[in-house]
């Protein structure tokens, strides 16, 4: 289930609630003093690629796959 972040309009307090997507509209209608806050996820892709580091064993496995299958669309890490 998704976790939604809300702000109490009277106190300014921010809090999280876990509920189904289908329950969100009902929750907001029943709580008019609460406003949903939209949070954005962490940026993991940068201008030069990803900041994900892969272990050498993964690189070795990928090179063996590339040798076995002659497909040129397998990315080098």
PDB file of N, CA and C in Angstrom:
ATOM      1  N   UNK A   1       0.834  -1.179   0.000  1.00  0.00           N
ATOM      2  CA  UNK A   1       0.000   0.000   0.000  1.00  0.00           C
ATOM      3  C   UNK A   1       0.881   1.246   0.000  1.00  0.00           C
ATOM      4  N   UNK A   2       0.433   2.280  -0.681  1.00  0.00           N
ATOM      5  CA  UNK A   2       1.209   3.514  -0.720  1.00  0.00           C
ATOM      6  C   UNK A   2       1.200   4.249   0.622  1.00  0.00           C
ATOM      7  N   UNK A   3       2.242   5.017   0.836  1.00  0.00           N
ATOM      8  CA  UNK A   3       2.334   5.883   2.008  1.00  0.00           C
ATOM      9  C   UNK A   3       2.143   7.311   1.511  1.00  0.00           C
ATOM     10  N   UNK A   4       1.155   8.002   2.052  1.00  0.00           N
ATOM     11  CA  UNK A   4       0.844   9.373   1.656  1.00  0.00           C
ATOM     12  C   UNK A   4       1.276  10.326   2.764  1.00  0.00           C
ATOM     13  N   UNK A   5       1.798  11.483   2.377  1.00  0.00           N
ATOM     14  CA  UNK A   5       2.195  12.506   3.331  1.00  0.00           C
ATOM     15  C   UNK A   5       1.153  13.619   3.307  1.00  0.00           C
ATOM     16  N   UNK A   6       0.731  14.034   4.495  1.00  0.00           N
ATOM     17  CA  UNK A   6      -0.296  15.065   4.631  1.00  0.00           C
ATOM     18  C   UNK A   6       0.215  16.172   5.547  1.00  0.00           C
ATOM     19  N   UNK A   7      -0.408  17.349   5.402  1.00  0.00           N
ATOM     20  CA  UNK A   7      -0.128  18.473   6.292  1.00  0.00           C
ATOM     21  C   UNK A   7      -1.448  18.944   6.894  1.00  0.00           C
ATOM     22  N   UNK A   8      -1.430  19.110   8.228  1.00  0.00           N
ATOM     23  CA  UNK A   8      -2.576  19.671   8.920  1.00  0.00           C
ATOM     24  C   UNK A   8      -2.547  21.183   8.684  1.00  0.00           C
ATOM     25  N   UNK A   9      -3.601  21.734   8.073  1.00  0.00           N
ATOM     26  CA  UNK A   9      -3.622  23.155   7.727  1.00  0.00           C
ATOM     27  C   UNK A   9      -3.661  24.070   8.943  1.00  0.00           C
ATOM     28  N   UNK A  10      -4.154  23.586  10.073  1.00  0.00           N
ATOM     29  CA  UNK A  10      -4.241  24.413  11.278  1.00  0.00           C
ATOM     30  C   UNK A  10      -2.917  24.458  12.028  1.00  0.00           C
ATOM     31  N   UNK A  11      -2.266  23.302  12.165  1.00  0.00           N
ATOM     32  CA  UNK A  11      -1.045  23.245  12.975  1.00  0.00           C
ATOM     33  C   UNK A  11       0.229  23.241  12.141  1.00  0.00           C
ATOM     34  N   UNK A  12       0.133  22.918  10.849  1.00  0.00           N
ATOM     35  CA  UNK A  12       1.318  22.832   9.999  1.00  0.00           C
ATOM     36  C   UNK A  12       2.075  21.526  10.155  1.00  0.00           C
ATOM     37  N   UNK A  13       1.558  20.639  10.992  1.00  0.00           N
ATOM     38  CA  UNK A  13       2.218  19.345  11.234  1.00  0.00           C
ATOM     39  C   UNK A  13       2.112  18.466   9.990  1.00  0.00           C
ATOM     40  N   UNK A  14       3.226  17.824   9.632  1.00  0.00           N
ATOM     41  CA  UNK A  14       3.231  16.872   8.519  1.00  0.00           C
ATOM     42  C   UNK A  14       3.280  15.462   9.084  1.00  0.00           C
ATOM     43  N   UNK A  15       2.512  14.560   8.463  1.00  0.00           N
ATOM     44  CA  UNK A  15       2.453  13.172   8.942  1.00  0.00           C
ATOM     45  C   UNK A  15       2.179  12.252   7.765  1.00  0.00           C
ATOM     46  N   UNK A  16       2.488  10.986   7.950  1.00  0.00           N
ATOM     47  CA  UNK A  16       2.308   9.968   6.919  1.00  0.00           C
ATOM     48  C   UNK A  16       1.150   9.049   7.295  1.00  0.00           C
ATOM     49  N   UNK A  17       0.422   8.619   6.282  1.00  0.00           N
ATOM     50  CA  UNK A  17      -0.659   7.637   6.446  1.00  0.00           C
ATOM     51  C   UNK A  17      -0.508   6.574   5.369  1.00  0.00           C
ATOM     52  N   UNK A  18      -0.766   5.334   5.727  1.00  0.00           N
ATOM     53  CA  UNK A  18      -0.748   4.228   4.778  1.00  0.00           C
ATOM     54  C   UNK A  18      -2.190   3.852   4.464  1.00  0.00           C
ATOM     55  N   UNK A  19      -2.530   3.878   3.171  1.00  0.00           N
ATOM     56  CA  UNK A  19      -3.890   3.527   2.759  1.00  0.00           C
ATOM     57  C   UNK A  19      -3.887   3.133   1.298  1.00  0.00           C
ATOM     58  N   UNK A  20      -4.963   2.482   0.882  1.00  0.00           N
ATOM     59  CA  UNK A  20      -5.103   2.118  -0.523  1.00  0.00           C
ATOM     60  C   UNK A  20      -5.402   3.376  -1.333  1.00  0.00           C
ATOM     61  N   UNK A  21      -5.047   3.335  -2.608  1.00  0.00           N
ATOM     62  CA  UNK A  21      -5.302   4.480  -3.478  1.00  0.00           C
ATOM     63  C   UNK A  21      -6.794   4.813  -3.530  1.00  0.00           C
ATOM     64  N   UNK A  22      -7.624   3.796  -3.493  1.00  0.00           N
ATOM     65  CA  UNK A  22      -9.071   4.009  -3.559  1.00  0.00           C
ATOM     66  C   UNK A  22      -9.606   4.714  -2.312  1.00  0.00           C
ATOM     67  N   UNK A  23      -8.871   4.676  -1.210  1.00  0.00           N
ATOM     68  CA  UNK A  23      -9.308   5.313   0.025  1.00  0.00           C
ATOM     69  C   UNK A  23      -8.878   6.773   0.128  1.00  0.00           C
ATOM     70  N   UNK A  24      -7.976   7.229  -0.744  1.00  0.00           N
ATOM     71  CA  UNK A  24      -7.412   8.569  -0.625  1.00  0.00           C
ATOM     72  C   UNK A  24      -8.466   9.663  -0.760  1.00  0.00           C
ATOM     73  N   UNK A  25      -9.287   9.600  -1.783  1.00  0.00           N
ATOM     74  CA  UNK A  25     -10.304  10.641  -1.988  1.00  0.00           C
ATOM     75  C   UNK A  25     -11.283  10.707  -0.825  1.00  0.00           C
ATOM     76  N   UNK A  26     -11.678   9.562  -0.307  1.00  0.00           N
ATOM     77  CA  UNK A  26     -12.589   9.522   0.838  1.00  0.00           C
ATOM     78  C   UNK A  26     -11.934  10.144   2.064  1.00  0.00           C
ATOM     79  N   UNK A  27     -10.667   9.830   2.286  1.00  0.00           N
ATOM     80  CA  UNK A  27      -9.935  10.370   3.438  1.00  0.00           C
ATOM     81  C   UNK A  27      -9.851  11.892   3.360  1.00  0.00           C
ATOM     82  N   UNK A  28      -9.536  12.410   2.166  1.00  0.00           N
ATOM     83  CA  UNK A  28      -9.432  13.862   2.005  1.00  0.00           C
ATOM     84  C   UNK A  28     -10.791  14.543   2.168  1.00  0.00           C
ATOM     85  N   UNK A  29     -11.863  13.898   1.704  1.00  0.00           N
ATOM     86  CA  UNK A  29     -13.205  14.462   1.854  1.00  0.00           C
ATOM     87  C   UNK A  29     -13.640  14.477   3.315  1.00  0.00           C
ATOM     88  N   UNK A  30     -13.252  13.442   4.083  1.00  0.00           N
ATOM     89  CA  UNK A  30     -13.630  13.358   5.495  1.00  0.00           C
ATOM     90  C   UNK A  30     -12.769  14.244   6.388  1.00  0.00           C
ATOM     91  N   UNK A  31     -11.597  14.671   5.875  1.00  0.00           N
ATOM     92  CA  UNK A  31     -10.674  15.503   6.646  1.00  0.00           C
ATOM     93  C   UNK A  31     -10.350  16.770   5.861  1.00  0.00           C
ATOM     94  N   UNK A  32     -11.261  17.753   5.848  1.00  0.00           N
ATOM     95  CA  UNK A  32     -11.032  18.948   5.037  1.00  0.00           C
ATOM     96  C   UNK A  32      -9.879  19.826   5.531  1.00  0.00           C
ATOM     97  N   UNK A  33      -9.462  19.654   6.767  1.00  0.00           N
ATOM     98  CA  UNK A  33      -8.354  20.441   7.308  1.00  0.00           C
ATOM     99  C   UNK A  33      -6.996  19.848   7.007  1.00  0.00           C
ATOM    100  N   UNK A  34      -6.955  18.832   6.140  1.00  0.00           N
ATOM    101  CA  UNK A  34      -5.711  18.132   5.811  1.00  0.00           C
ATOM    102  C   UNK A  34      -5.441  18.290   4.319  1.00  0.00           C
ATOM    103  N   UNK A  35      -4.202  18.549   3.978  1.00  0.00           N
ATOM    104  CA  UNK A  35      -3.794  18.718   2.578  1.00  0.00           C
ATOM    105  C   UNK A  35      -2.722  17.686   2.253  1.00  0.00           C
ATOM    106  N   UNK A  36      -2.839  17.054   1.093  1.00  0.00           N
ATOM    107  CA  UNK A  36      -1.837  16.067   0.683  1.00  0.00           C
ATOM    108  C   UNK A  36      -0.583  16.786   0.197  1.00  0.00           C
ATOM    109  N   UNK A  37       0.579  16.280   0.613  1.00  0.00           N
ATOM    110  CA  UNK A  37       1.869  16.802   0.191  1.00  0.00           C
ATOM    111  C   UNK A  37       2.466  15.800  -0.791  1.00  0.00           C
ATOM    112  N   UNK A  38       2.899  16.279  -1.943  1.00  0.00           N
ATOM    113  CA  UNK A  38       3.500  15.406  -2.945  1.00  0.00           C
ATOM    114  C   UNK A  38       5.011  15.418  -2.751  1.00  0.00           C
ATOM    115  N   UNK A  39       5.574  14.255  -2.478  1.00  0.00           N
ATOM    116  CA  UNK A  39       7.023  14.106  -2.325  1.00  0.00           C
ATOM    117  C   UNK A  39       7.584  13.447  -3.569  1.00  0.00           C
ATOM    118  N   UNK A  40       8.772  13.832  -3.936  1.00  0.00           N
ATOM    119  CA  UNK A  40       9.428  13.231  -5.091  1.00  0.00           C
ATOM    120  C   UNK A  40      10.519  12.294  -4.610  1.00  0.00           C
ATOM    121  N   UNK A  41      10.703  11.185  -5.353  1.00  0.00           N
ATOM    122  CA  UNK A  41      11.707  10.192  -4.988  1.00  0.00           C
ATOM    123  C   UNK A  41      13.118  10.714  -5.170  1.00  0.00           C
ATOM    124  N   UNK A  42      14.064   9.949  -4.710  1.00  0.00           N
ATOM    125  CA  UNK A  42      15.467  10.294  -4.824  1.00  0.00           C
ATOM    126  C   UNK A  42      15.914  10.208  -6.268  1.00  0.00           C
ATOM    127  N   UNK A  43      16.706  11.165  -6.700  1.00  0.00           N
ATOM    128  CA  UNK A  43      17.228  11.155  -8.057  1.00  0.00           C
ATOM    129  C   UNK A  43      18.391  10.167  -8.121  1.00  0.00           C
ATOM    130  N   UNK A  44      18.273   9.143  -8.977  1.00  0.00           N
ATOM    131  CA  UNK A  44      19.339   8.157  -9.059  1.00  0.00           C
ATOM    132  C   UNK A  44      20.071   8.206 -10.395  1.00  0.00           C
ATOM    133  N   UNK A  45      19.534   8.924 -11.373  1.00  0.00           N
ATOM    134  CA  UNK A  45      20.188   9.020 -12.668  1.00  0.00           C
ATOM    135  C   UNK A  45      20.789  10.413 -12.800  1.00  0.00           C
ATOM    136  N   UNK A  46      22.035  10.470 -13.145  1.00  0.00           N
ATOM    137  CA  UNK A  46      22.739  11.735 -13.295  1.00  0.00           C
ATOM    138  C   UNK A  46      23.051  11.971 -14.762  1.00  0.00           C
ATOM    139  N   UNK A  47      23.638  13.117 -15.063  1.00  0.00           N
ATOM    140  CA  UNK A  47      23.950  13.468 -16.438  1.00  0.00           C
ATOM    141  C   UNK A  47      24.909  12.464 -17.089  1.00  0.00           C
ATOM    142  N   UNK A  48      25.781  11.888 -16.313  1.00  0.00           N
ATOM    143  CA  UNK A  48      26.788  10.969 -16.847  1.00  0.00           C
ATOM    144  C   UNK A  48      26.400   9.508 -16.715  1.00  0.00           C
ATOM    145  N   UNK A  49      25.218   9.227 -16.302  1.00  0.00           N
ATOM    146  CA  UNK A  49      24.794   7.836 -16.131  1.00  0.00           C
ATOM    147  C   UNK A  49      24.224   7.639 -14.748  1.00  0.00           C
ATOM    148  N   UNK A  50      24.346   6.444 -14.234  1.00  0.00           N
ATOM    149  CA  UNK A  50      23.795   6.163 -12.915  1.00  0.00           C
ATOM    150  C   UNK A  50      24.894   6.219 -11.874  1.00  0.00           C
ATOM    151  N   UNK A  51      24.491   6.426 -10.638  1.00  0.00           N
ATOM    152  CA  UNK A  51      25.451   6.392  -9.541  1.00  0.00           C
ATOM    153  C   UNK A  51      25.495   5.008  -8.909  1.00  0.00           C
ATOM    154  N   UNK A  52      24.946   4.033  -9.608  1.00  0.00           N
ATOM    155  CA  UNK A  52      24.904   2.661  -9.120  1.00  0.00           C
ATOM    156  C   UNK A  52      26.236   1.979  -9.407  1.00  0.00           C
ATOM    157  N   UNK A  53      26.842   1.414  -8.409  1.00  0.00           N
ATOM    158  CA  UNK A  53      28.100   0.692  -8.567  1.00  0.00           C
ATOM    159  C   UNK A  53      27.801  -0.797  -8.625  1.00  0.00           C
ATOM    160  N   UNK A  54      28.344  -1.455  -9.616  1.00  0.00           N
ATOM    161  CA  UNK A  54      28.112  -2.889  -9.743  1.00  0.00           C
ATOM    162  C   UNK A  54      29.381  -3.630  -9.362  1.00  0.00           C
ATOM    163  N   UNK A  55      29.258  -4.794  -8.737  1.00  0.00           N
ATOM    164  CA  UNK A  55      30.438  -5.558  -8.350  1.00  0.00           C
ATOM    165  C   UNK A  55      31.135  -6.164  -9.576  1.00  0.00           C
ATOM    166  N   UNK A  56      32.403  -6.477  -9.422  1.00  0.00           N
ATOM    167  CA  UNK A  56      33.183  -7.065 -10.512  1.00  0.00           C
ATOM    168  C   UNK A  56      32.604  -8.396 -10.972  1.00  0.00           C
ATOM    169  N   UNK A  57      32.019  -9.155 -10.061  1.00  0.00           N
ATOM    170  CA  UNK A  57      31.436 -10.444 -10.449  1.00  0.00           C
ATOM    171  C   UNK A  57      30.280 -10.237 -11.437  1.00  0.00           C
ATOM    172  N   UNK A  58      29.537  -9.147 -11.276  1.00  0.00           N
ATOM    173  CA  UNK A  58      28.457  -8.847 -12.208  1.00  0.00           C
ATOM    174  C   UNK A  58      29.030  -8.490 -13.577  1.00  0.00           C
ATOM    175  N   UNK A  59      30.096  -7.722 -13.586  1.00  0.00           N
ATOM    176  CA  UNK A  59      30.743  -7.359 -14.850  1.00  0.00           C
ATOM    177  C   UNK A  59      31.251  -8.601 -15.587  1.00  0.00           C
ATOM    178  N   UNK A  60      31.824  -9.514 -14.827  1.00  0.00           N
ATOM    179  CA  UNK A  60      32.332 -10.752 -15.414  1.00  0.00           C
ATOM    180  C   UNK A  60      31.187 -11.578 -16.004  1.00  0.00           C
ATOM    181  N   UNK A  61      30.096 -11.673 -15.278  1.00  0.00           N
ATOM    182  CA  UNK A  61      28.940 -12.416 -15.773  1.00  0.00           C
ATOM    183  C   UNK A  61      28.384 -11.780 -17.038  1.00  0.00           C
ATOM    184  N   UNK A  62      28.294 -10.464 -17.069  1.00  0.00           N
ATOM    185  CA  UNK A  62      27.784  -9.770 -18.253  1.00  0.00           C
ATOM    186  C   UNK A  62      28.692  -9.979 -19.465  1.00  0.00           C
ATOM    187  N   UNK A  63      30.004 -10.011 -19.248  1.00  0.00           N
ATOM    188  CA  UNK A  63      30.913 -10.242 -20.375  1.00  0.00           C
ATOM    189  C   UNK A  63      30.747 -11.662 -20.921  1.00  0.00           C
ATOM    190  N   UNK A  64      30.481 -12.637 -20.040  1.00  0.00           N
ATOM    191  CA  UNK A  64      30.236 -14.003 -20.501  1.00  0.00           C
ATOM    192  C   UNK A  64      28.930 -14.084 -21.287  1.00  0.00           C
ATOM    193  N   UNK A  65      27.922 -13.364 -20.848  1.00  0.00           N
ATOM    194  CA  UNK A  65      26.651 -13.338 -21.567  1.00  0.00           C
ATOM    195  C   UNK A  65      26.854 -12.740 -22.953  1.00  0.00           C
ATOM    196  N   UNK A  66      27.627 -11.658 -23.034  1.00  0.00           N
ATOM    197  CA  UNK A  66      27.875 -11.017 -24.324  1.00  0.00           C
ATOM    198  C   UNK A  66      28.639 -11.946 -25.268  1.00  0.00           C
ATOM    199  N   UNK A  67      29.543 -12.755 -24.718  1.00  0.00           N
ATOM    200  CA  UNK A  67      30.292 -13.700 -25.545  1.00  0.00           C
ATOM    201  C   UNK A  67      29.370 -14.811 -26.056  1.00  0.00           C
ATOM    202  N   UNK A  68      28.457 -15.260 -25.205  1.00  0.00           N
ATOM    203  CA  UNK A  68      27.561 -16.354 -25.568  1.00  0.00           C
ATOM    204  C   UNK A  68      26.512 -15.901 -26.583  1.00  0.00           C
ATOM    205  N   UNK A  69      25.918 -14.754 -26.330  1.00  0.00           N
ATOM    206  CA  UNK A  69      24.853 -14.245 -27.197  1.00  0.00           C
ATOM    207  C   UNK A  69      25.405 -13.058 -27.977  1.00  0.00           C
ATOM    208  N   UNK A  70      25.288 -13.123 -29.276  1.00  0.00           N
ATOM    209  CA  UNK A  70      25.879 -12.074 -30.114  1.00  0.00           C
ATOM    210  C   UNK A  70      24.909 -10.914 -30.328  1.00  0.00           C
ATOM    211  N   UNK A  71      24.318 -10.466 -29.274  1.00  0.00           N
ATOM    212  CA  UNK A  71      23.421  -9.320 -29.331  1.00  0.00           C
ATOM    213  C   UNK A  71      24.225  -8.092 -28.919  1.00  0.00           C
ATOM    214  N   UNK A  72      24.132  -7.038 -29.667  1.00  0.00           N
ATOM    215  CA  UNK A  72      24.945  -5.860 -29.384  1.00  0.00           C
ATOM    216  C   UNK A  72      24.260  -4.852 -28.454  1.00  0.00           C
ATOM    217  N   UNK A  73      23.100  -5.181 -27.944  1.00  0.00           N
ATOM    218  CA  UNK A  73      22.402  -4.209 -27.102  1.00  0.00           C
ATOM    219  C   UNK A  73      22.584  -4.458 -25.598  1.00  0.00           C
ATOM    220  N   UNK A  74      23.537  -5.279 -25.208  1.00  0.00           N
ATOM    221  CA  UNK A  74      23.825  -5.513 -23.800  1.00  0.00           C
ATOM    222  C   UNK A  74      24.806  -4.440 -23.343  1.00  0.00           C
ATOM    223  N   UNK A  75      24.445  -3.718 -22.311  1.00  0.00           N
ATOM    224  CA  UNK A  75      25.235  -2.581 -21.850  1.00  0.00           C
ATOM    225  C   UNK A  75      26.481  -3.040 -21.118  1.00  0.00           C
ATOM    226  N   UNK A  76      27.587  -2.343 -21.347  1.00  0.00           N
ATOM    227  CA  UNK A  76      28.819  -2.578 -20.599  1.00  0.00           C
ATOM    228  C   UNK A  76      28.761  -1.819 -19.290  1.00  0.00           C
ATOM    229  N   UNK A  77      29.235  -2.434 -18.234  1.00  0.00           N
ATOM    230  CA  UNK A  77      29.255  -1.758 -16.929  1.00  0.00           C
ATOM    231  C   UNK A  77      30.672  -1.487 -16.523  1.00  0.00           C
TER     232      UNK A  77
END
